[in-house]
């Protein structure tokens, strides 16, 4: 019995014990059951509150991180309005190709290439963080999808996509776009200049897709290649 009243203040405990001793057999049982059920309900309430708080603070539940605005002055994070200009992007074809760069499950494809062929990087050396996912020219590493970064100094193709609110596609995304090129306007450069992906092959080279035959190859980063921007959705 003392265990039941362990967390109750001493004065209240003495009073409740005195009341308890006045009860008869069935009343004692009901009294005990009432206390046990009350403590159990209270424990469930606090457990539920704790779970709710944990879930609320779990930022992984926000699927499309590009769709967040951060007000650093007031310390607020809020969802931005989600919109798609169908004259610039193929907004109704997001289900064709999955987004694979962490900025959305779907992929918006721009309706046209950038006006000119561009260099992937102005120097033929490794792409390091924060612009790429890891330090050094690693096979399969990608330029990041974060458009808060400045790509203007060294990454002309990536900067051009940032300027229109997009990014370069990963090699897997670009292969998917080739497979559905008929749905995406069928107006890609097929005359011999391949399209850049965001995916490094080595310290010096980057993966590309030739839209003449769908072939995947590599070129030096300082070469100029066609650019078709995409956007996670």
Protein backbone atom coordinates (compact mmCIF):
# COMPACT_ATOMS: atom_id res chain seq x y z
CA UNK A 1 0.00 0.00 0.00
CA UNK A 2 2.80 2.41 0.78
CA UNK A 3 4.07 1.98 -2.80
CA UNK A 4 0.80 3.38 -4.16
CA UNK A 5 1.11 6.56 -2.12
CA UNK A 6 4.83 6.98 -2.62
CA UNK A 7 4.59 10.03 -4.90
CA UNK A 8 1.75 11.73 -2.95
CA UNK A 9 2.70 14.56 -0.53
CA UNK A 10 2.90 13.41 3.12
CA UNK A 11 -0.10 15.39 4.39
CA UNK A 12 -2.35 14.10 1.62
CA UNK A 13 -0.99 10.58 2.08
CA UNK A 14 -1.94 10.47 5.77
CA UNK A 15 -5.42 11.72 4.97
CA UNK A 16 -5.96 9.16 2.22
CA UNK A 17 -4.69 6.31 4.38
CA UNK A 18 -7.12 7.37 7.14
CA UNK A 19 -9.97 7.43 4.60
CA UNK A 20 -8.89 4.08 3.23
CA UNK A 21 -8.99 2.44 6.69
CA UNK A 22 -12.63 3.52 7.09
CA UNK A 23 -13.67 1.70 3.89
CA UNK A 24 -15.19 -1.75 3.96
CA UNK A 25 -13.98 -4.71 1.82
CA UNK A 26 -15.56 -3.88 -1.54
CA UNK A 27 -15.03 -0.16 -1.07
CA UNK A 28 -11.33 -0.76 -0.44
CA UNK A 29 -11.03 -2.74 -3.65
CA UNK A 30 -12.83 -0.01 -5.63
CA UNK A 31 -10.59 2.61 -4.05
CA UNK A 32 -7.42 0.74 -5.05
CA UNK A 33 -8.69 0.08 -8.59
CA UNK A 34 -9.54 3.78 -8.99
CA UNK A 35 -6.04 4.87 -8.00
CA UNK A 36 -4.36 2.29 -10.27
CA UNK A 37 -6.50 3.26 -13.26
CA UNK A 38 -5.85 6.94 -12.60
CA UNK A 39 -2.11 6.43 -12.50
CA UNK A 40 -2.22 4.32 -15.66
CA UNK A 41 -4.25 6.94 -17.53
CA UNK A 42 -1.84 9.64 -16.44
CA UNK A 43 1.11 7.61 -17.69
CA UNK A 44 -0.54 7.10 -21.07
CA UNK A 45 -1.24 10.82 -21.32
CA UNK A 46 2.39 11.76 -20.70
CA UNK A 47 3.60 9.01 -23.07
CA UNK A 48 1.28 10.31 -25.80
CA UNK A 49 2.46 13.87 -25.23
CA UNK A 50 6.09 12.77 -25.47
CA UNK A 51 5.45 10.90 -28.73
CA UNK A 52 3.66 13.92 -30.18
CA UNK A 53 6.56 16.22 -29.36
CA UNK A 54 9.09 13.80 -30.85
CA UNK A 55 7.08 13.55 -34.08
CA UNK A 56 6.61 17.31 -34.28
CA UNK A 57 10.35 17.89 -34.08
CA UNK A 58 11.19 15.17 -36.62
CA UNK A 59 12.13 17.25 -39.68
CA UNK A 60 12.52 14.11 -41.82
CA UNK A 61 8.72 14.16 -42.10
CA UNK A 62 9.02 17.17 -44.41
CA UNK A 63 9.56 15.36 -47.71
CA UNK A 64 10.48 18.27 -49.99
CA UNK A 65 13.07 20.35 -48.18
CA UNK A 66 13.36 22.84 -51.07
CA UNK A 67 9.78 23.77 -50.26
CA UNK A 68 10.71 25.39 -46.93
CA UNK A 69 11.40 29.02 -46.10
CA UNK A 70 13.66 29.93 -43.17
CA UNK A 71 13.20 33.31 -41.51
CA UNK A 72 16.52 33.64 -39.69
CA UNK A 73 15.55 36.98 -38.15
CA UNK A 74 12.59 35.51 -36.28
CA UNK A 75 13.84 31.93 -36.05
CA UNK A 76 10.90 30.53 -37.99
CA UNK A 77 10.63 27.69 -40.49
CA UNK A 78 7.49 27.59 -42.63
CA UNK A 79 6.26 25.91 -45.80
CA UNK A 80 6.57 27.95 -48.97
CA UNK A 81 3.77 28.07 -51.50
CA UNK A 82 4.18 25.25 -54.01
CA UNK A 83 3.73 26.32 -57.62
CA UNK A 84 4.73 25.28 -61.12
CA UNK A 85 4.74 27.43 -64.25
CA UNK A 86 3.51 25.06 -66.95
CA UNK A 87 4.88 27.30 -69.68
CA UNK A 88 8.43 26.71 -68.36
CA UNK A 89 8.19 23.16 -66.94
CA UNK A 90 6.32 20.00 -67.87
CA UNK A 91 4.22 20.28 -64.72
CA UNK A 92 1.78 17.51 -65.62
CA UNK A 93 4.51 14.90 -66.18
CA UNK A 94 6.05 14.70 -62.71
CA UNK A 95 5.08 11.02 -62.54
CA UNK A 96 7.27 10.10 -65.53
CA UNK A 97 10.63 10.21 -63.75
CA UNK A 98 11.39 10.03 -60.01
CA UNK A 99 13.42 12.73 -58.32
CA UNK A 100 16.70 11.26 -57.08
CA UNK A 101 18.58 14.23 -55.63
CA UNK A 102 16.71 14.60 -52.35
CA UNK A 103 14.63 17.67 -53.27
CA UNK A 104 11.39 15.83 -54.04
CA UNK A 105 9.98 12.46 -55.03
CA UNK A 106 8.98 13.63 -58.50
CA UNK A 107 10.83 15.48 -61.25
CA UNK A 108 9.88 18.53 -63.28
CA UNK A 109 11.66 18.82 -66.63
CA UNK A 110 12.21 22.17 -68.33
CA UNK A 111 10.49 22.54 -71.70
CA UNK A 112 13.66 23.62 -73.50
CA UNK A 113 17.44 23.45 -73.25
CA UNK A 114 19.41 26.44 -72.05
CA UNK A 115 20.23 28.75 -74.95
CA UNK A 116 23.92 27.82 -75.19
CA UNK A 117 26.15 24.87 -74.38
CA UNK A 118 27.98 25.41 -71.09
CA UNK A 119 30.95 24.13 -69.12
CA UNK A 120 30.29 21.85 -66.15
CA UNK A 121 33.18 23.49 -64.28
CA UNK A 122 35.72 26.11 -65.33
CA UNK A 123 38.57 24.04 -63.84
CA UNK A 124 39.23 20.39 -64.49
CA UNK A 125 39.50 19.36 -60.86
CA UNK A 126 37.45 17.77 -58.10
CA UNK A 127 34.03 18.98 -57.04
CA UNK A 128 34.08 19.40 -53.25
CA UNK A 129 31.52 20.09 -50.56
CA UNK A 130 29.37 22.09 -50.27
CA UNK A 131 28.78 22.18 -54.03
CA UNK A 132 29.05 18.38 -54.33
CA UNK A 133 27.94 15.73 -51.90
CA UNK A 134 31.43 14.65 -50.83
CA UNK A 135 34.99 15.90 -51.20
CA UNK A 136 36.97 14.85 -54.25
CA UNK A 137 36.09 13.46 -57.68
CA UNK A 138 34.18 10.34 -56.77
CA UNK A 139 32.37 8.12 -59.28
CA UNK A 140 28.66 8.73 -58.67
CA UNK A 141 28.93 11.88 -56.56
CA UNK A 142 26.52 14.68 -57.55
CA UNK A 143 26.24 18.42 -57.51
CA UNK A 144 23.79 19.17 -54.70
CA UNK A 145 20.23 20.35 -55.25
CA UNK A 146 20.51 23.18 -52.71
CA UNK A 147 19.93 26.45 -54.56
CA UNK A 148 20.95 28.56 -51.57
CA UNK A 149 24.55 27.87 -52.58
CA UNK A 150 26.46 30.06 -55.05
CA UNK A 151 27.59 28.14 -58.15
CA UNK A 152 28.39 31.21 -60.26
CA UNK A 153 32.18 31.22 -59.79
CA UNK A 154 33.02 27.68 -60.96
CA UNK A 155 29.95 25.79 -62.22
CA UNK A 156 28.38 27.57 -65.25
CA UNK A 157 25.88 24.83 -66.17
CA UNK A 158 24.68 24.43 -62.60
CA UNK A 159 24.39 28.19 -62.14
CA UNK A 160 22.26 28.46 -65.30
CA UNK A 161 19.83 25.92 -63.83
CA UNK A 162 19.78 27.70 -60.48
CA UNK A 163 18.88 30.93 -62.29
CA UNK A 164 15.63 29.32 -63.52
CA UNK A 165 14.86 27.67 -60.18
CA UNK A 166 16.21 24.24 -61.07
CA UNK A 167 19.32 22.07 -61.16
CA UNK A 168 21.16 19.63 -63.38
CA UNK A 169 19.67 16.11 -63.50
CA UNK A 170 21.57 13.18 -62.02
CA UNK A 171 22.76 10.59 -64.54
CA UNK A 172 19.87 8.25 -63.63
CA UNK A 173 17.34 11.10 -64.00
CA UNK A 174 18.83 12.07 -67.35
CA UNK A 175 18.55 8.48 -68.60
CA UNK A 176 14.90 8.46 -67.58
CA UNK A 177 14.32 11.74 -69.42
CA UNK A 178 15.88 10.19 -72.53
CA UNK A 179 13.56 7.18 -72.24
CA UNK A 180 10.51 9.51 -72.14
CA UNK A 181 11.94 12.20 -74.42
CA UNK A 182 8.83 12.10 -76.60
CA UNK A 183 6.73 13.21 -73.64
CA UNK A 184 9.23 15.91 -72.72
CA UNK A 185 8.96 17.83 -75.98
CA UNK A 186 11.35 15.68 -78.07
CA UNK A 187 13.36 18.86 -78.70
CA UNK A 188 16.68 17.82 -77.20
CA UNK A 189 20.02 18.37 -78.88
CA UNK A 190 20.40 15.23 -81.01
CA UNK A 191 23.04 16.56 -83.38
CA UNK A 192 26.07 15.35 -81.49
CA UNK A 193 26.39 17.48 -78.34
CA UNK A 194 25.48 15.31 -75.31
CA UNK A 195 23.69 16.63 -72.23
CA UNK A 196 25.43 17.18 -68.92
CA UNK A 197 24.33 15.30 -65.84
CA UNK A 198 25.15 16.46 -62.31
CA UNK A 199 27.14 13.26 -61.70
CA UNK A 200 30.92 13.20 -61.46
CA UNK A 201 32.83 10.31 -62.96
CA UNK A 202 36.28 11.25 -61.72
CA UNK A 203 38.35 14.24 -60.62
CA UNK A 204 38.46 15.44 -64.23
CA UNK A 205 35.34 14.02 -65.94
CA UNK A 206 31.54 14.06 -65.70
CA UNK A 207 28.86 11.67 -66.94
CA UNK A 208 26.61 12.67 -69.84
CA UNK A 209 23.85 11.22 -72.03
CA UNK A 210 23.89 11.43 -75.80
CA UNK A 211 20.30 12.06 -76.94
CA UNK A 212 21.10 10.78 -80.42
CA UNK A 213 21.23 7.17 -79.22
CA UNK A 214 20.90 7.25 -75.42
CA UNK A 215 24.55 6.37 -74.86
CA UNK A 216 26.15 7.18 -71.50
CA UNK A 217 29.70 8.51 -71.56
CA UNK A 218 32.07 10.93 -69.88
CA UNK A 219 33.65 14.24 -70.86
CA UNK A 220 36.15 16.62 -69.24
CA UNK A 221 34.46 19.13 -66.97
CA UNK A 222 35.76 22.10 -68.93
CA UNK A 223 34.03 20.93 -72.13
CA UNK A 224 30.82 22.66 -73.23
CA UNK A 225 27.72 20.46 -73.42
CA UNK A 226 23.96 20.90 -73.76
CA UNK A 227 22.02 21.67 -70.58
CA UNK A 228 18.46 20.57 -69.77
CA UNK A 229 17.47 21.71 -66.29
CA UNK A 230 15.15 19.85 -63.93
CA UNK A 231 13.52 20.56 -60.59
CA UNK A 232 12.59 18.26 -57.73
CA UNK A 233 8.88 18.07 -56.92
